[in-house]
PDB file of N, CA and C in Angstrom:
ATOM      1  N   UNK A   1     -40.798 -31.030 196.227  1.00  0.00           N
ATOM      2  CA  UNK A   1     -41.336 -30.061 197.026  1.00  0.00           C
ATOM      3  C   UNK A   1     -42.537 -29.269 196.362  1.00  0.00           C
ATOM      4  N   UNK A   2     -43.254 -30.012 195.448  1.00  0.00           N
ATOM      5  CA  UNK A   2     -44.362 -29.171 194.778  1.00  0.00           C
ATOM      6  C   UNK A   2     -45.642 -29.577 195.205  1.00  0.00           C
ATOM      7  N   UNK A   3     -45.820 -30.307 196.201  1.00  0.00           N
ATOM      8  CA  UNK A   3     -47.285 -30.798 196.580  1.00  0.00           C
ATOM      9  C   UNK A   3     -47.850 -29.587 197.284  1.00  0.00           C
ATOM     10  N   UNK A   4     -49.107 -29.376 197.097  1.00  0.00           N
ATOM     11  CA  UNK A   4     -49.660 -28.228 197.652  1.00  0.00           C
ATOM     12  C   UNK A   4     -51.045 -28.674 198.384  1.00  0.00           C
ATOM     13  N   UNK A   5     -51.469 -29.837 198.175  1.00  0.00           N
ATOM     14  CA  UNK A   5     -52.820 -30.209 198.709  1.00  0.00           C
ATOM     15  C   UNK A   5     -52.581 -31.672 199.466  1.00  0.00           C
ATOM     16  N   UNK A   6     -51.515 -31.954 199.849  1.00  0.00           N
ATOM     17  CA  UNK A   6     -51.304 -33.345 200.487  1.00  0.00           C
ATOM     18  C   UNK A   6     -51.965 -33.338 201.947  1.00  0.00           C
ATOM     19  N   UNK A   7     -52.148 -34.491 202.380  1.00  0.00           N
ATOM     20  CA  UNK A   7     -52.701 -34.729 203.778  1.00  0.00           C
ATOM     21  C   UNK A   7     -51.843 -33.952 204.714  1.00  0.00           C
ATOM     22  N   UNK A   8     -50.612 -34.100 204.596  1.00  0.00           N
ATOM     23  CA  UNK A   8     -49.625 -33.577 205.545  1.00  0.00           C
ATOM     24  C   UNK A   8     -49.720 -32.004 205.525  1.00  0.00           C
ATOM     25  N   UNK A   9     -49.878 -31.364 204.412  1.00  0.00           N
ATOM     26  CA  UNK A   9     -49.915 -29.999 204.445  1.00  0.00           C
ATOM     27  C   UNK A   9     -51.399 -29.517 205.037  1.00  0.00           C
ATOM     28  N   UNK A  10     -52.389 -30.165 204.726  1.00  0.00           N
ATOM     29  CA  UNK A  10     -53.768 -29.905 205.193  1.00  0.00           C
ATOM     30  C   UNK A  10     -53.663 -29.903 206.619  1.00  0.00           C
ATOM     31  N   UNK A  11     -53.212 -31.065 207.260  1.00  0.00           N
ATOM     32  CA  UNK A  11     -53.090 -31.237 208.700  1.00  0.00           C
ATOM     33  C   UNK A  11     -52.223 -30.130 209.347  1.00  0.00           C
ATOM     34  N   UNK A  12     -51.208 -29.809 208.733  1.00  0.00           N
ATOM     35  CA  UNK A  12     -50.297 -28.708 209.332  1.00  0.00           C
ATOM     36  C   UNK A  12     -51.033 -27.500 209.407  1.00  0.00           C
ATOM     37  N   UNK A  13     -51.829 -27.077 208.391  1.00  0.00           N
ATOM     38  CA  UNK A  13     -52.637 -26.030 208.347  1.00  0.00           C
ATOM     39  C   UNK A  13     -53.706 -26.034 209.541  1.00  0.00           C
ATOM     40  N   UNK A  14     -54.308 -27.261 209.608  1.00  0.00           N
ATOM     41  CA  UNK A  14     -55.340 -27.446 210.531  1.00  0.00           C
ATOM     42  C   UNK A  14     -54.938 -27.118 212.055  1.00  0.00           C
ATOM     43  N   UNK A  15     -53.759 -27.546 212.242  1.00  0.00           N
ATOM     44  CA  UNK A  15     -53.123 -27.361 213.676  1.00  0.00           C
ATOM     45  C   UNK A  15     -52.284 -26.091 213.777  1.00  0.00           C
ATOM     46  N   UNK A  16     -52.257 -25.343 212.755  1.00  0.00           N
ATOM     47  CA  UNK A  16     -51.617 -23.993 212.754  1.00  0.00           C
ATOM     48  C   UNK A  16     -50.097 -24.096 212.852  1.00  0.00           C
ATOM     49  N   UNK A  17     -49.381 -25.263 212.250  1.00  0.00           N
ATOM     50  CA  UNK A  17     -47.919 -25.326 212.296  1.00  0.00           C
ATOM     51  C   UNK A  17     -47.375 -25.293 210.870  1.00  0.00           C
ATOM     52  N   UNK A  18     -46.159 -24.719 210.886  1.00  0.00           N
ATOM     53  CA  UNK A  18     -45.457 -24.542 209.621  1.00  0.00           C
ATOM     54  C   UNK A  18     -44.943 -26.038 209.212  1.00  0.00           C
ATOM     55  N   UNK A  19     -45.205 -26.424 208.027  1.00  0.00           N
ATOM     56  CA  UNK A  19     -44.629 -27.661 207.546  1.00  0.00           C
ATOM     57  C   UNK A  19     -43.114 -27.652 207.420  1.00  0.00           C
ATOM     58  N   UNK A  20     -42.580 -28.905 207.368  1.00  0.00           N
ATOM     59  CA  UNK A  20     -41.256 -28.964 207.070  1.00  0.00           C
ATOM     60  C   UNK A  20     -40.794 -28.450 205.642  1.00  0.00           C
ATOM     61  N   UNK A  21     -39.821 -27.525 205.647  1.00  0.00           N
ATOM     62  CA  UNK A  21     -39.661 -26.897 204.326  1.00  0.00           C
ATOM     63  C   UNK A  21     -38.983 -27.854 203.174  1.00  0.00           C
ATOM     64  N   UNK A  22     -38.417 -28.930 203.498  1.00  0.00           N
ATOM     65  CA  UNK A  22     -37.713 -29.759 202.552  1.00  0.00           C
ATOM     66  C   UNK A  22     -38.393 -31.034 202.431  1.00  0.00           C
ATOM     67  N   UNK A  23     -39.629 -31.103 202.098  1.00  0.00           N
ATOM     68  CA  UNK A  23     -40.282 -32.245 201.768  1.00  0.00           C
ATOM     69  C   UNK A  23     -39.938 -32.846 200.399  1.00  0.00           C
ATOM     70  N   UNK A  24     -40.197 -34.159 200.188  1.00  0.00           N
ATOM     71  CA  UNK A  24     -39.872 -34.688 198.908  1.00  0.00           C
ATOM     72  C   UNK A  24     -40.889 -35.692 198.528  1.00  0.00           C
ATOM     73  N   UNK A  25     -41.132 -36.069 197.219  1.00  0.00           N
ATOM     74  CA  UNK A  25     -42.028 -37.060 196.763  1.00  0.00           C
ATOM     75  C   UNK A  25     -41.900 -38.428 197.385  1.00  0.00           C
ATOM     76  N   UNK A  26     -42.835 -39.099 197.678  1.00  0.00           N
ATOM     77  CA  UNK A  26     -42.611 -40.455 198.298  1.00  0.00           C
ATOM     78  C   UNK A  26     -41.973 -41.448 197.216  1.00  0.00           C
ATOM     79  N   UNK A  27     -42.031 -41.076 195.988  1.00  0.00           N
ATOM     80  CA  UNK A  27     -41.434 -42.102 194.983  1.00  0.00           C
ATOM     81  C   UNK A  27     -39.991 -42.252 195.314  1.00  0.00           C
ATOM     82  N   UNK A  28     -39.252 -41.184 195.785  1.00  0.00           N
ATOM     83  CA  UNK A  28     -37.852 -41.222 195.925  1.00  0.00           C
ATOM     84  C   UNK A  28     -37.374 -42.322 197.027  1.00  0.00           C
ATOM     85  N   UNK A  29     -37.944 -42.264 198.306  1.00  0.00           N
ATOM     86  CA  UNK A  29     -37.605 -43.296 199.221  1.00  0.00           C
ATOM     87  C   UNK A  29     -38.293 -44.585 198.862  1.00  0.00           C
ATOM     88  N   UNK A  30     -39.435 -44.641 198.169  1.00  0.00           N
ATOM     89  CA  UNK A  30     -40.005 -45.960 197.750  1.00  0.00           C
ATOM     90  C   UNK A  30     -39.015 -46.714 196.827  1.00  0.00           C
ATOM     91  N   UNK A  31     -38.429 -45.994 195.906  1.00  0.00           N
ATOM     92  CA  UNK A  31     -37.578 -46.644 194.983  1.00  0.00           C
ATOM     93  C   UNK A  31     -36.391 -47.360 195.674  1.00  0.00           C
ATOM     94  N   UNK A  32     -35.728 -46.661 196.691  1.00  0.00           N
ATOM     95  CA  UNK A  32     -34.592 -47.231 197.337  1.00  0.00           C
ATOM     96  C   UNK A  32     -35.106 -48.149 198.354  1.00  0.00           C
ATOM     97  N   UNK A  33     -36.188 -48.015 199.005  1.00  0.00           N
ATOM     98  CA  UNK A  33     -36.582 -49.153 199.889  1.00  0.00           C
ATOM     99  C   UNK A  33     -36.886 -50.347 199.260  1.00  0.00           C
ATOM    100  N   UNK A  34     -37.621 -50.279 198.224  1.00  0.00           N
ATOM    101  CA  UNK A  34     -37.979 -51.494 197.423  1.00  0.00           C
ATOM    102  C   UNK A  34     -36.566 -52.195 196.842  1.00  0.00           C
ATOM    103  N   UNK A  35     -35.712 -51.282 196.392  1.00  0.00           N
ATOM    104  CA  UNK A  35     -34.433 -51.765 195.799  1.00  0.00           C
ATOM    105  C   UNK A  35     -33.457 -52.327 196.818  1.00  0.00           C
ATOM    106  N   UNK A  36     -33.361 -51.788 198.004  1.00  0.00           N
ATOM    107  CA  UNK A  36     -32.299 -52.110 198.918  1.00  0.00           C
ATOM    108  C   UNK A  36     -32.844 -52.924 200.140  1.00  0.00           C
ATOM    109  N   UNK A  37     -34.002 -53.100 200.367  1.00  0.00           N
ATOM    110  CA  UNK A  37     -34.518 -53.864 201.422  1.00  0.00           C
ATOM    111  C   UNK A  37     -35.499 -54.904 201.172  1.00  0.00           C
ATOM    112  N   UNK A  38     -35.837 -55.763 202.117  1.00  0.00           N
ATOM    113  CA  UNK A  38     -36.879 -56.839 201.972  1.00  0.00           C
ATOM    114  C   UNK A  38     -38.044 -56.472 202.957  1.00  0.00           C
ATOM    115  N   UNK A  39     -39.179 -56.984 202.765  1.00  0.00           N
ATOM    116  CA  UNK A  39     -40.115 -56.829 203.849  1.00  0.00           C
ATOM    117  C   UNK A  39     -39.603 -57.236 205.255  1.00  0.00           C
ATOM    118  N   UNK A  40     -40.047 -56.475 206.243  1.00  0.00           N
ATOM    119  CA  UNK A  40     -39.603 -56.725 207.613  1.00  0.00           C
ATOM    120  C   UNK A  40     -38.102 -56.094 207.927  1.00  0.00           C
ATOM    121  N   UNK A  41     -37.462 -55.845 206.845  1.00  0.00           N
ATOM    122  CA  UNK A  41     -36.258 -55.152 207.244  1.00  0.00           C
ATOM    123  C   UNK A  41     -36.350 -53.866 207.925  1.00  0.00           C
ATOM    124  N   UNK A  42     -35.327 -53.261 208.501  1.00  0.00           N
ATOM    125  CA  UNK A  42     -35.484 -51.931 209.127  1.00  0.00           C
ATOM    126  C   UNK A  42     -34.729 -50.881 208.295  1.00  0.00           C
ATOM    127  N   UNK A  43     -35.579 -49.856 208.113  1.00  0.00           N
ATOM    128  CA  UNK A  43     -35.150 -48.575 207.410  1.00  0.00           C
ATOM    129  C   UNK A  43     -34.755 -47.511 208.305  1.00  0.00           C
ATOM    130  N   UNK A  44     -33.546 -47.069 208.227  1.00  0.00           N
ATOM    131  CA  UNK A  44     -33.054 -45.955 209.117  1.00  0.00           C
ATOM    132  C   UNK A  44     -33.059 -44.645 208.419  1.00  0.00           C
ATOM    133  N   UNK A  45     -33.492 -43.631 208.996  1.00  0.00           N
ATOM    134  CA  UNK A  45     -33.478 -42.246 208.412  1.00  0.00           C
ATOM    135  C   UNK A  45     -33.064 -41.330 209.516  1.00  0.00           C
ATOM    136  N   UNK A  46     -31.816 -40.878 209.295  1.00  0.00           N
ATOM    137  CA  UNK A  46     -31.132 -40.157 210.431  1.00  0.00           C
ATOM    138  C   UNK A  46     -31.428 -38.593 210.234  1.00  0.00           C
ATOM    139  N   UNK A  47     -31.996 -38.243 209.160  1.00  0.00           N
ATOM    140  CA  UNK A  47     -32.513 -36.832 208.961  1.00  0.00           C
ATOM    141  C   UNK A  47     -33.943 -36.867 208.492  1.00  0.00           C
ATOM    142  N   UNK A  48     -34.857 -37.215 209.415  1.00  0.00           N
ATOM    143  CA  UNK A  48     -36.234 -37.624 209.028  1.00  0.00           C
ATOM    144  C   UNK A  48     -37.128 -36.403 208.523  1.00  0.00           C
ATOM    145  N   UNK A  49     -36.891 -35.271 208.990  1.00  0.00           N
ATOM    146  CA  UNK A  49     -37.610 -34.152 208.579  1.00  0.00           C
ATOM    147  C   UNK A  49     -39.193 -34.391 208.837  1.00  0.00           C
ATOM    148  N   UNK A  50     -40.002 -34.419 207.789  1.00  0.00           N
ATOM    149  CA  UNK A  50     -41.279 -34.658 207.837  1.00  0.00           C
ATOM    150  C   UNK A  50     -41.678 -36.160 207.819  1.00  0.00           C
ATOM    151  N   UNK A  51     -40.704 -37.041 207.649  1.00  0.00           N
ATOM    152  CA  UNK A  51     -40.874 -38.490 207.820  1.00  0.00           C
ATOM    153  C   UNK A  51     -41.488 -39.161 206.738  1.00  0.00           C
ATOM    154  N   UNK A  52     -41.234 -38.665 205.513  1.00  0.00           N
ATOM    155  CA  UNK A  52     -41.736 -39.306 204.357  1.00  0.00           C
ATOM    156  C   UNK A  52     -41.261 -40.705 204.138  1.00  0.00           C
ATOM    157  N   UNK A  53     -39.945 -40.896 204.483  1.00  0.00           N
ATOM    158  CA  UNK A  53     -39.306 -42.232 204.471  1.00  0.00           C
ATOM    159  C   UNK A  53     -39.924 -43.160 205.283  1.00  0.00           C
ATOM    160  N   UNK A  54     -40.162 -42.785 206.588  1.00  0.00           N
ATOM    161  CA  UNK A  54     -40.897 -43.596 207.585  1.00  0.00           C
ATOM    162  C   UNK A  54     -42.284 -44.107 207.058  1.00  0.00           C
ATOM    163  N   UNK A  55     -43.102 -43.146 206.655  1.00  0.00           N
ATOM    164  CA  UNK A  55     -44.304 -43.414 206.077  1.00  0.00           C
ATOM    165  C   UNK A  55     -44.284 -44.457 204.965  1.00  0.00           C
ATOM    166  N   UNK A  56     -43.340 -44.176 203.974  1.00  0.00           N
ATOM    167  CA  UNK A  56     -43.151 -45.104 202.935  1.00  0.00           C
ATOM    168  C   UNK A  56     -42.723 -46.496 203.435  1.00  0.00           C
ATOM    169  N   UNK A  57     -41.811 -46.546 204.267  1.00  0.00           N
ATOM    170  CA  UNK A  57     -41.237 -47.850 204.772  1.00  0.00           C
ATOM    171  C   UNK A  57     -42.452 -48.682 205.458  1.00  0.00           C
ATOM    172  N   UNK A  58     -43.319 -47.953 206.205  1.00  0.00           N
ATOM    173  CA  UNK A  58     -44.432 -48.597 206.746  1.00  0.00           C
ATOM    174  C   UNK A  58     -45.373 -49.132 205.645  1.00  0.00           C
ATOM    175  N   UNK A  59     -45.675 -48.407 204.692  1.00  0.00           N
ATOM    176  CA  UNK A  59     -46.558 -48.748 203.484  1.00  0.00           C
ATOM    177  C   UNK A  59     -45.947 -50.056 202.895  1.00  0.00           C
ATOM    178  N   UNK A  60     -44.630 -50.092 202.838  1.00  0.00           N
ATOM    179  CA  UNK A  60     -43.918 -51.258 202.101  1.00  0.00           C
ATOM    180  C   UNK A  60     -43.646 -52.370 202.958  1.00  0.00           C
ATOM    181  N   UNK A  61     -44.176 -52.454 204.176  1.00  0.00           N
ATOM    182  CA  UNK A  61     -43.946 -53.633 205.120  1.00  0.00           C
ATOM    183  C   UNK A  61     -42.654 -53.601 205.748  1.00  0.00           C
ATOM    184  N   UNK A  62     -41.966 -52.467 205.785  1.00  0.00           N
ATOM    185  CA  UNK A  62     -40.649 -52.358 206.483  1.00  0.00           C
ATOM    186  C   UNK A  62     -40.931 -51.767 208.001  1.00  0.00           C
ATOM    187  N   UNK A  63     -39.991 -52.210 208.853  1.00  0.00           N
ATOM    188  CA  UNK A  63     -39.976 -51.411 210.091  1.00  0.00           C
ATOM    189  C   UNK A  63     -38.995 -50.219 209.930  1.00  0.00           C
ATOM    190  N   UNK A  64     -39.100 -49.143 210.672  1.00  0.00           N
ATOM    191  CA  UNK A  64     -38.248 -48.025 210.513  1.00  0.00           C
ATOM    192  C   UNK A  64     -37.853 -47.287 211.795  1.00  0.00           C
ATOM    193  N   UNK A  65     -36.804 -46.656 211.646  1.00  0.00           N
ATOM    194  CA  UNK A  65     -36.299 -45.758 212.923  1.00  0.00           C
ATOM    195  C   UNK A  65     -36.080 -44.417 212.259  1.00  0.00           C
ATOM    196  N   UNK A  66     -36.661 -43.355 212.861  1.00  0.00           N
ATOM    197  CA  UNK A  66     -36.474 -41.984 212.311  1.00  0.00           C
ATOM    198  C   UNK A  66     -35.950 -41.178 213.307  1.00  0.00           C
ATOM    199  N   UNK A  67     -34.956 -40.311 213.054  1.00  0.00           N
ATOM    200  CA  UNK A  67     -34.312 -39.344 213.916  1.00  0.00           C
ATOM    201  C   UNK A  67     -34.305 -38.018 213.381  1.00  0.00           C
ATOM    202  N   UNK A  68     -34.658 -37.012 214.179  1.00  0.00           N
ATOM    203  CA  UNK A  68     -34.763 -35.617 213.766  1.00  0.00           C
ATOM    204  C   UNK A  68     -34.327 -34.772 214.797  1.00  0.00           C
ATOM    205  N   UNK A  69     -33.455 -33.674 214.535  1.00  0.00           N
ATOM    206  CA  UNK A  69     -33.003 -32.917 215.577  1.00  0.00           C
ATOM    207  C   UNK A  69     -33.938 -31.881 216.065  1.00  0.00           C
ATOM    208  N   UNK A  70     -34.846 -31.363 215.156  1.00  0.00           N
ATOM    209  CA  UNK A  70     -35.738 -30.450 215.555  1.00  0.00           C
ATOM    210  C   UNK A  70     -36.956 -31.050 216.059  1.00  0.00           C
ATOM    211  N   UNK A  71     -37.252 -30.985 217.417  1.00  0.00           N
ATOM    212  CA  UNK A  71     -38.391 -31.528 218.065  1.00  0.00           C
ATOM    213  C   UNK A  71     -39.578 -31.278 217.477  1.00  0.00           C
ATOM    214  N   UNK A  72     -39.946 -30.042 216.981  1.00  0.00           N
ATOM    215  CA  UNK A  72     -41.269 -29.757 216.479  1.00  0.00           C
ATOM    216  C   UNK A  72     -41.384 -30.425 215.161  1.00  0.00           C
ATOM    217  N   UNK A  73     -40.410 -30.592 214.357  1.00  0.00           N
ATOM    218  CA  UNK A  73     -40.571 -31.294 213.085  1.00  0.00           C
ATOM    219  C   UNK A  73     -40.841 -32.744 213.424  1.00  0.00           C
ATOM    220  N   UNK A  74     -40.168 -33.258 214.379  1.00  0.00           N
ATOM    221  CA  UNK A  74     -40.352 -34.747 214.851  1.00  0.00           C
ATOM    222  C   UNK A  74     -41.786 -34.924 215.262  1.00  0.00           C
ATOM    223  N   UNK A  75     -42.256 -34.055 216.071  1.00  0.00           N
ATOM    224  CA  UNK A  75     -43.669 -34.266 216.441  1.00  0.00           C
ATOM    225  C   UNK A  75     -44.629 -33.977 215.346  1.00  0.00           C
ATOM    226  N   UNK A  76     -44.357 -33.005 214.494  1.00  0.00           N
ATOM    227  CA  UNK A  76     -45.273 -32.814 213.324  1.00  0.00           C
ATOM    228  C   UNK A  76     -45.177 -33.895 212.340  1.00  0.00           C
ATOM    229  N   UNK A  77     -44.169 -34.687 212.305  1.00  0.00           N
ATOM    230  CA  UNK A  77     -44.209 -35.816 211.316  1.00  0.00           C
ATOM    231  C   UNK A  77     -45.140 -36.883 211.551  1.00  0.00           C
ATOM    232  N   UNK A  78     -45.727 -36.842 212.862  1.00  0.00           N
ATOM    233  CA  UNK A  78     -46.749 -37.844 213.178  1.00  0.00           C
ATOM    234  C   UNK A  78     -47.861 -37.785 212.364  1.00  0.00           C
ATOM    235  N   UNK A  79     -48.258 -36.478 211.866  1.00  0.00           N
ATOM    236  CA  UNK A  79     -49.546 -36.330 211.058  1.00  0.00           C
ATOM    237  C   UNK A  79     -49.436 -37.159 209.818  1.00  0.00           C
ATOM    238  N   UNK A  80     -48.279 -37.583 209.354  1.00  0.00           N
ATOM    239  CA  UNK A  80     -48.161 -38.521 208.199  1.00  0.00           C
ATOM    240  C   UNK A  80     -48.951 -39.815 208.331  1.00  0.00           C
ATOM    241  N   UNK A  81     -49.218 -40.107 209.604  1.00  0.00           N
ATOM    242  CA  UNK A  81     -49.722 -41.442 210.016  1.00  0.00           C
ATOM    243  C   UNK A  81     -51.197 -41.196 210.519  1.00  0.00           C
ATOM    244  N   UNK A  82     -51.796 -40.132 210.164  1.00  0.00           N
ATOM    245  CA  UNK A  82     -53.091 -39.796 210.666  1.00  0.00           C
ATOM    246  C   UNK A  82     -54.045 -39.516 209.583  1.00  0.00           C
ATOM    247  N   UNK A  83     -53.909 -40.186 208.480  1.00  0.00           N
ATOM    248  CA  UNK A  83     -54.634 -39.914 207.166  1.00  0.00           C
ATOM    249  C   UNK A  83     -56.137 -40.207 207.534  1.00  0.00           C
ATOM    250  N   UNK A  84     -56.429 -41.103 208.283  1.00  0.00           N
ATOM    251  CA  UNK A  84     -57.868 -41.541 208.429  1.00  0.00           C
ATOM    252  C   UNK A  84     -58.606 -40.702 209.562  1.00  0.00           C
ATOM    253  N   UNK A  85     -57.760 -39.845 210.083  1.00  0.00           N
ATOM    254  CA  UNK A  85     -58.304 -38.968 211.220  1.00  0.00           C
ATOM    255  C   UNK A  85     -58.891 -37.815 210.853  1.00  0.00           C
ATOM    256  N   UNK A  86     -59.915 -37.234 211.492  1.00  0.00           N
ATOM    257  CA  UNK A  86     -60.508 -35.989 211.170  1.00  0.00           C
ATOM    258  C   UNK A  86     -59.579 -34.809 211.821  1.00  0.00           C
ATOM    259  N   UNK A  87     -59.876 -33.642 211.533  1.00  0.00           N
ATOM    260  CA  UNK A  87     -59.148 -32.544 211.715  1.00  0.00           C
ATOM    261  C   UNK A  87     -59.044 -32.263 213.307  1.00  0.00           C
ATOM    262  N   UNK A  88     -60.323 -32.550 213.888  1.00  0.00           N
ATOM    263  CA  UNK A  88     -60.422 -32.258 215.337  1.00  0.00           C
ATOM    264  C   UNK A  88     -59.569 -33.336 216.080  1.00  0.00           C
ATOM    265  N   UNK A  89     -59.449 -34.497 215.697  1.00  0.00           N
ATOM    266  CA  UNK A  89     -58.778 -35.620 216.300  1.00  0.00           C
ATOM    267  C   UNK A  89     -57.199 -35.262 216.188  1.00  0.00           C
ATOM    268  N   UNK A  90     -56.782 -34.840 214.982  1.00  0.00           N
ATOM    269  CA  UNK A  90     -55.444 -34.459 214.836  1.00  0.00           C
ATOM    270  C   UNK A  90     -55.018 -33.290 215.726  1.00  0.00           C
ATOM    271  N   UNK A  91     -55.917 -32.294 215.858  1.00  0.00           N
ATOM    272  CA  UNK A  91     -55.621 -31.170 216.785  1.00  0.00           C
ATOM    273  C   UNK A  91     -55.555 -31.634 218.219  1.00  0.00           C
ATOM    274  N   UNK A  92     -56.394 -32.790 218.682  1.00  0.00           N
ATOM    275  CA  UNK A  92     -56.326 -33.242 220.000  1.00  0.00           C
ATOM    276  C   UNK A  92     -54.898 -33.875 220.202  1.00  0.00           C
ATOM    277  N   UNK A  93     -54.498 -34.738 219.321  1.00  0.00           N
ATOM    278  CA  UNK A  93     -53.293 -35.416 219.227  1.00  0.00           C
ATOM    279  C   UNK A  93     -52.046 -34.324 219.415  1.00  0.00           C
ATOM    280  N   UNK A  94     -52.143 -33.325 218.531  1.00  0.00           N
ATOM    281  CA  UNK A  94     -51.144 -32.360 218.663  1.00  0.00           C
ATOM    282  C   UNK A  94     -51.118 -31.646 220.188  1.00  0.00           C
ATOM    283  N   UNK A  95     -52.294 -31.631 220.700  1.00  0.00           N
ATOM    284  CA  UNK A  95     -52.209 -31.025 222.044  1.00  0.00           C
ATOM    285  C   UNK A  95     -51.464 -31.886 223.017  1.00  0.00           C
ATOM    286  N   UNK A  96     -51.572 -33.319 222.819  1.00  0.00           N
ATOM    287  CA  UNK A  96     -50.748 -34.151 223.719  1.00  0.00           C
ATOM    288  C   UNK A  96     -49.352 -34.050 223.286  1.00  0.00           C
ATOM    289  N   UNK A  97     -48.932 -33.875 222.142  1.00  0.00           N
ATOM    290  CA  UNK A  97     -47.550 -33.755 221.827  1.00  0.00           C
ATOM    291  C   UNK A  97     -46.943 -32.503 222.336  1.00  0.00           C
ATOM    292  N   UNK A  98     -47.673 -31.330 222.302  1.00  0.00           N
ATOM    293  CA  UNK A  98     -47.349 -30.170 222.831  1.00  0.00           C
ATOM    294  C   UNK A  98     -47.094 -30.200 224.319  1.00  0.00           C
ATOM    295  N   UNK A  99     -47.991 -31.032 224.928  1.00  0.00           N
ATOM    296  CA  UNK A  99     -47.791 -31.166 226.405  1.00  0.00           C
ATOM    297  C   UNK A  99     -46.643 -32.026 226.864  1.00  0.00           C
ATOM    298  N   UNK A 100     -46.152 -32.796 225.888  1.00  0.00           N
ATOM    299  CA  UNK A 100     -45.156 -33.780 226.185  1.00  0.00           C
ATOM    300  C   UNK A 100     -45.661 -34.952 226.598  1.00  0.00           C
ATOM    301  N   UNK A 101     -46.712 -35.378 226.440  1.00  0.00           N
ATOM    302  CA  UNK A 101     -47.360 -36.692 226.794  1.00  0.00           C
ATOM    303  C   UNK A 101     -47.277 -37.717 225.854  1.00  0.00           C
ATOM    304  N   UNK A 102     -47.229 -38.947 226.230  1.00  0.00           N
ATOM    305  CA  UNK A 102     -47.117 -40.050 225.258  1.00  0.00           C
ATOM    306  C   UNK A 102     -48.497 -40.319 224.634  1.00  0.00           C
ATOM    307  N   UNK A 103     -48.383 -40.707 223.268  1.00  0.00           N
ATOM    308  CA  UNK A 103     -49.638 -40.998 222.660  1.00  0.00           C
ATOM    309  C   UNK A 103     -49.401 -41.976 221.543  1.00  0.00           C
ATOM    310  N   UNK A 104     -50.171 -43.081 221.536  1.00  0.00           N
ATOM    311  CA  UNK A 104     -49.952 -44.261 220.727  1.00  0.00           C
ATOM    312  C   UNK A 104     -50.852 -43.833 219.457  1.00  0.00           C
ATOM    313  N   UNK A 105     -50.265 -43.892 218.228  1.00  0.00           N
ATOM    314  CA  UNK A 105     -50.917 -43.487 217.001  1.00  0.00           C
ATOM    315  C   UNK A 105     -51.365 -44.817 216.379  1.00  0.00           C
ATOM    316  N   UNK A 106     -52.599 -44.865 216.212  1.00  0.00           N
ATOM    317  CA  UNK A 106     -53.134 -46.188 215.559  1.00  0.00           C
ATOM    318  C   UNK A 106     -54.143 -45.651 214.389  1.00  0.00           C
ATOM    319  N   UNK A 107     -54.222 -46.605 213.360  1.00  0.00           N
ATOM    320  CA  UNK A 107     -55.195 -46.044 212.319  1.00  0.00           C
ATOM    321  C   UNK A 107     -56.666 -45.648 212.848  1.00  0.00           C
ATOM    322  N   UNK A 108     -57.062 -46.207 213.876  1.00  0.00           N
ATOM    323  CA  UNK A 108     -58.357 -45.988 214.487  1.00  0.00           C
ATOM    324  C   UNK A 108     -58.431 -44.646 215.152  1.00  0.00           C
ATOM    325  N   UNK A 109     -57.321 -44.072 215.647  1.00  0.00           N
ATOM    326  CA  UNK A 109     -57.276 -43.031 216.371  1.00  0.00           C
ATOM    327  C   UNK A 109     -56.246 -42.892 217.475  1.00  0.00           C
ATOM    328  N   UNK A 110     -56.067 -41.752 218.239  1.00  0.00           N
ATOM    329  CA  UNK A 110     -55.026 -41.721 219.207  1.00  0.00           C
ATOM    330  C   UNK A 110     -55.410 -42.684 220.464  1.00  0.00           C
ATOM    331  N   UNK A 111     -54.511 -43.125 221.108  1.00  0.00           N
ATOM    332  CA  UNK A 111     -54.636 -43.823 222.314  1.00  0.00           C
ATOM    333  C   UNK A 111     -53.692 -43.211 223.301  1.00  0.00           C
ATOM    334  N   UNK A 112     -54.060 -42.417 224.403  1.00  0.00           N
ATOM    335  CA  UNK A 112     -53.271 -41.794 225.297  1.00  0.00           C
ATOM    336  C   UNK A 112     -52.473 -42.886 226.195  1.00  0.00           C
ATOM    337  N   UNK A 113     -51.425 -42.778 226.537  1.00  0.00           N
ATOM    338  CA  UNK A 113     -50.518 -43.675 227.400  1.00  0.00           C
ATOM    339  C   UNK A 113     -50.115 -43.004 228.625  1.00  0.00           C
ATOM    340  N   UNK A 114     -49.944 -43.820 229.620  1.00  0.00           N
ATOM    341  CA  UNK A 114     -49.612 -43.037 230.857  1.00  0.00           C
ATOM    342  C   UNK A 114     -48.177 -42.601 230.966  1.00  0.00           C
ATOM    343  N   UNK A 115     -47.807 -41.678 231.646  1.00  0.00           N
ATOM    344  CA  UNK A 115     -46.500 -41.198 231.829  1.00  0.00           C
ATOM    345  C   UNK A 115     -45.965 -40.064 230.866  1.00  0.00           C
ATOM    346  N   UNK A 116     -44.808 -39.714 230.966  1.00  0.00           N
ATOM    347  CA  UNK A 116     -44.267 -38.685 229.994  1.00  0.00           C
ATOM    348  C   UNK A 116     -43.103 -39.282 229.300  1.00  0.00           C
ATOM    349  N   UNK A 117     -42.655 -38.777 228.240  1.00  0.00           N
ATOM    350  CA  UNK A 117     -41.471 -39.344 227.592  1.00  0.00           C
ATOM    351  C   UNK A 117     -40.232 -38.967 228.539  1.00  0.00           C
ATOM    352  N   UNK A 118     -39.230 -39.826 228.351  1.00  0.00           N
ATOM    353  CA  UNK A 118     -37.900 -39.529 229.177  1.00  0.00           C
ATOM    354  C   UNK A 118     -37.519 -37.922 228.841  1.00  0.00           C
ATOM    355  N   UNK A 119     -36.852 -37.442 229.764  1.00  0.00           N
ATOM    356  CA  UNK A 119     -36.333 -36.033 229.734  1.00  0.00           C
ATOM    357  C   UNK A 119     -35.280 -36.066 228.605  1.00  0.00           C
ATOM    358  N   UNK A 120     -35.356 -34.911 227.807  1.00  0.00           N
ATOM    359  CA  UNK A 120     -34.478 -34.648 226.684  1.00  0.00           C
ATOM    360  C   UNK A 120     -33.451 -33.717 227.029  1.00  0.00           C
ATOM    361  N   UNK A 121     -32.155 -34.056 226.882  1.00  0.00           N
ATOM    362  CA  UNK A 121     -31.021 -33.113 227.084  1.00  0.00           C
ATOM    363  C   UNK A 121     -30.915 -32.152 225.984  1.00  0.00           C
ATOM    364  N   UNK A 122     -30.545 -30.987 226.298  1.00  0.00           N
ATOM    365  CA  UNK A 122     -30.384 -29.970 225.202  1.00  0.00           C
ATOM    366  C   UNK A 122     -28.960 -29.632 225.095  1.00  0.00           C
TER     367      UNK A 122
END
């Protein structure tokens, strides 16, 4: 948790959101993903937080599923996949997330989808 200038932290500041407090270096999940899985395997993270594991799994050619109890942290983890986006585009995507609308995140930028996500029970 010593990073201070990462893309994730910069984008959290850009959109005025507090980053997840328990981030860890990508080398930790990378070691275990490489050791325990093969390309195209599925990596499961049931406490995803800022989703470092999902990002690394994608970089390593694995599919992944991430679960996070805190909806704000789950939404905020999407910025890990927006490295090629400028700050204004990230802010626009955050507005979609805040409104509860669907948004496909691609390296080229966001693609709004029709409809809203299913209702979430509390």
